[in-house]
Amino acid sequence: MAQTPAQRAWVLEQMQDVIPTLKTKATAYARQLYAQYVAGELNWPQVRQAIDAATKLA
């Protein structure tokens, strides 16, 4: 499990390489959540839950 901001940034980059839409279709809100993930403020399930909730509202 990624513990440091550098490790979480690397994990995010790897996910974006495998699933390019995480980067190419990321909204400003999603990018904010990604930054919070990298900073250690959110874990990945929390990021996905927030994005999914916002998508349902749109």
N, C-alpha and C. Protein backbone atom coordinates (compact mmCIF):
# COMPACT_ATOMS: atom_id res chain seq x y z
N MET A 1 0.84 -1.17 0.00
CA MET A 1 0.00 0.00 0.00
C MET A 1 0.89 1.25 0.00
N ALA A 2 0.53 2.20 -0.84
CA ALA A 2 1.31 3.43 -0.94
C ALA A 2 1.16 4.26 0.33
N GLN A 3 2.26 4.68 0.89
CA GLN A 3 2.25 5.41 2.15
C GLN A 3 2.67 6.87 2.02
N THR A 4 3.63 7.14 1.16
CA THR A 4 4.15 8.51 1.03
C THR A 4 3.49 9.20 -0.16
N PRO A 5 3.52 10.53 -0.18
CA PRO A 5 2.98 11.23 -1.36
C PRO A 5 3.64 10.78 -2.67
N ALA A 6 4.94 10.54 -2.63
CA ALA A 6 5.63 10.09 -3.85
C ALA A 6 5.10 8.73 -4.30
N GLN A 7 4.88 7.84 -3.35
CA GLN A 7 4.35 6.51 -3.69
C GLN A 7 2.92 6.62 -4.22
N ARG A 8 2.10 7.45 -3.60
CA ARG A 8 0.72 7.61 -4.07
C ARG A 8 0.69 8.27 -5.44
N ALA A 9 1.58 9.22 -5.70
CA ALA A 9 1.66 9.84 -7.03
C ALA A 9 2.04 8.80 -8.07
N TRP A 10 2.98 7.92 -7.74
CA TRP A 10 3.39 6.86 -8.66
C TRP A 10 2.21 5.92 -8.93
N VAL A 11 1.47 5.54 -7.89
CA VAL A 11 0.31 4.66 -8.05
C VAL A 11 -0.72 5.33 -8.96
N LEU A 12 -0.98 6.61 -8.74
CA LEU A 12 -1.94 7.33 -9.58
C LEU A 12 -1.48 7.36 -11.02
N GLU A 13 -0.21 7.62 -11.26
CA GLU A 13 0.33 7.61 -12.62
C GLU A 13 0.16 6.25 -13.27
N GLN A 14 0.41 5.19 -12.53
CA GLN A 14 0.26 3.84 -13.07
C GLN A 14 -1.20 3.56 -13.43
N MET A 15 -2.11 3.97 -12.56
CA MET A 15 -3.55 3.77 -12.85
C MET A 15 -3.95 4.56 -14.09
N GLN A 16 -3.43 5.79 -14.22
CA GLN A 16 -3.76 6.60 -15.39
C GLN A 16 -3.17 6.03 -16.66
N ASP A 17 -2.03 5.35 -16.58
CA ASP A 17 -1.46 4.67 -17.74
C ASP A 17 -2.33 3.50 -18.18
N VAL A 18 -2.87 2.77 -17.21
CA VAL A 18 -3.69 1.59 -17.50
C VAL A 18 -5.11 2.00 -17.92
N ILE A 19 -5.62 3.05 -17.28
CA ILE A 19 -6.97 3.55 -17.56
C ILE A 19 -6.84 5.02 -17.96
N PRO A 20 -6.50 5.31 -19.23
CA PRO A 20 -6.21 6.69 -19.65
C PRO A 20 -7.34 7.68 -19.37
N THR A 21 -8.58 7.23 -19.33
CA THR A 21 -9.67 8.17 -19.07
C THR A 21 -9.60 8.78 -17.68
N LEU A 22 -8.88 8.14 -16.75
CA LEU A 22 -8.68 8.76 -15.44
C LEU A 22 -7.96 10.09 -15.57
N LYS A 23 -7.20 10.23 -16.65
CA LYS A 23 -6.47 11.47 -16.88
C LYS A 23 -7.15 12.33 -17.94
N THR A 24 -7.50 11.70 -19.06
CA THR A 24 -8.01 12.48 -20.20
C THR A 24 -9.40 13.04 -19.97
N LYS A 25 -10.22 12.38 -19.17
CA LYS A 25 -11.58 12.86 -18.92
C LYS A 25 -11.79 13.34 -17.50
N ALA A 26 -10.70 13.57 -16.79
CA ALA A 26 -10.80 14.00 -15.39
C ALA A 26 -11.32 15.44 -15.33
N THR A 27 -12.34 15.63 -14.54
CA THR A 27 -12.87 16.98 -14.31
C THR A 27 -11.98 17.70 -13.32
N ALA A 28 -12.24 18.98 -13.16
CA ALA A 28 -11.49 19.75 -12.15
C ALA A 28 -11.71 19.14 -10.76
N TYR A 29 -12.94 18.70 -10.51
CA TYR A 29 -13.26 18.08 -9.22
C TYR A 29 -12.46 16.79 -9.03
N ALA A 30 -12.39 15.97 -10.08
CA ALA A 30 -11.62 14.73 -9.99
C ALA A 30 -10.15 15.02 -9.77
N ARG A 31 -9.61 16.02 -10.45
CA ARG A 31 -8.19 16.37 -10.26
C ARG A 31 -7.95 16.84 -8.82
N GLN A 32 -8.91 17.55 -8.25
CA GLN A 32 -8.80 17.98 -6.85
C GLN A 32 -8.77 16.76 -5.93
N LEU A 33 -9.64 15.80 -6.21
CA LEU A 33 -9.66 14.57 -5.40
C LEU A 33 -8.36 13.79 -5.57
N TYR A 34 -7.82 13.75 -6.78
CA TYR A 34 -6.54 13.06 -7.01
C TYR A 34 -5.45 13.72 -6.16
N ALA A 35 -5.45 15.05 -6.12
CA ALA A 35 -4.44 15.76 -5.32
C ALA A 35 -4.60 15.43 -3.84
N GLN A 36 -5.84 15.30 -3.38
CA GLN A 36 -6.07 14.93 -1.98
C GLN A 36 -5.61 13.50 -1.73
N TYR A 37 -5.77 12.63 -2.71
CA TYR A 37 -5.28 11.25 -2.59
C TYR A 37 -3.75 11.26 -2.46
N VAL A 38 -3.09 11.99 -3.35
CA VAL A 38 -1.63 12.04 -3.32
C VAL A 38 -1.14 12.62 -1.99
N ALA A 39 -1.86 13.60 -1.47
CA ALA A 39 -1.47 14.23 -0.19
C ALA A 39 -1.76 13.33 1.01
N GLY A 40 -2.50 12.26 0.79
CA GLY A 40 -2.81 11.35 1.89
C GLY A 40 -4.07 11.73 2.65
N GLU A 41 -4.83 12.70 2.13
CA GLU A 41 -6.05 13.14 2.79
C GLU A 41 -7.22 12.19 2.53
N LEU A 42 -7.17 11.50 1.40
CA LEU A 42 -8.20 10.53 1.02
C LEU A 42 -7.53 9.24 0.58
N ASN A 43 -8.22 8.12 0.75
CA ASN A 43 -7.73 6.87 0.16
C ASN A 43 -8.45 6.69 -1.18
N TRP A 44 -8.00 5.73 -1.99
CA TRP A 44 -8.57 5.59 -3.32
C TRP A 44 -10.06 5.25 -3.30
N PRO A 45 -10.53 4.37 -2.43
CA PRO A 45 -11.98 4.12 -2.39
C PRO A 45 -12.79 5.40 -2.10
N GLN A 46 -12.26 6.29 -1.28
CA GLN A 46 -12.95 7.55 -1.01
C GLN A 46 -12.98 8.44 -2.25
N VAL A 47 -11.90 8.43 -3.01
CA VAL A 47 -11.85 9.20 -4.26
C VAL A 47 -12.92 8.68 -5.21
N ARG A 48 -12.95 7.37 -5.40
CA ARG A 48 -13.92 6.77 -6.33
C ARG A 48 -15.35 7.02 -5.86
N GLN A 49 -15.59 6.91 -4.56
CA GLN A 49 -16.94 7.14 -4.03
C GLN A 49 -17.37 8.58 -4.30
N ALA A 50 -16.49 9.53 -4.09
CA ALA A 50 -16.82 10.93 -4.32
C ALA A 50 -17.08 11.21 -5.80
N ILE A 51 -16.26 10.63 -6.67
CA ILE A 51 -16.47 10.81 -8.11
C ILE A 51 -17.77 10.16 -8.55
N ASP A 52 -18.02 8.96 -8.06
CA ASP A 52 -19.27 8.26 -8.42
C ASP A 52 -20.49 9.04 -7.93
N ALA A 53 -20.42 9.59 -6.73
CA ALA A 53 -21.55 10.36 -6.19
C ALA A 53 -21.77 11.62 -7.02
N ALA A 54 -20.70 12.29 -7.42
CA ALA A 54 -20.82 13.51 -8.22
C ALA A 54 -21.37 13.19 -9.61
N THR A 55 -21.00 12.04 -10.15
CA THR A 55 -21.47 11.63 -11.47
C THR A 55 -22.97 11.36 -11.45
N LYS A 56 -23.45 10.76 -10.37
CA LYS A 56 -24.87 10.47 -10.24
C LYS A 56 -25.71 11.74 -10.15
N LEU A 57 -25.11 12.80 -9.59
CA LEU A 57 -25.82 14.07 -9.44
C LEU A 57 -25.87 14.85 -10.75
N ALA A 58 -24.93 14.59 -11.63
CA ALA A 58 -24.84 15.35 -12.89
C ALA A 58 -25.93 14.95 -13.87
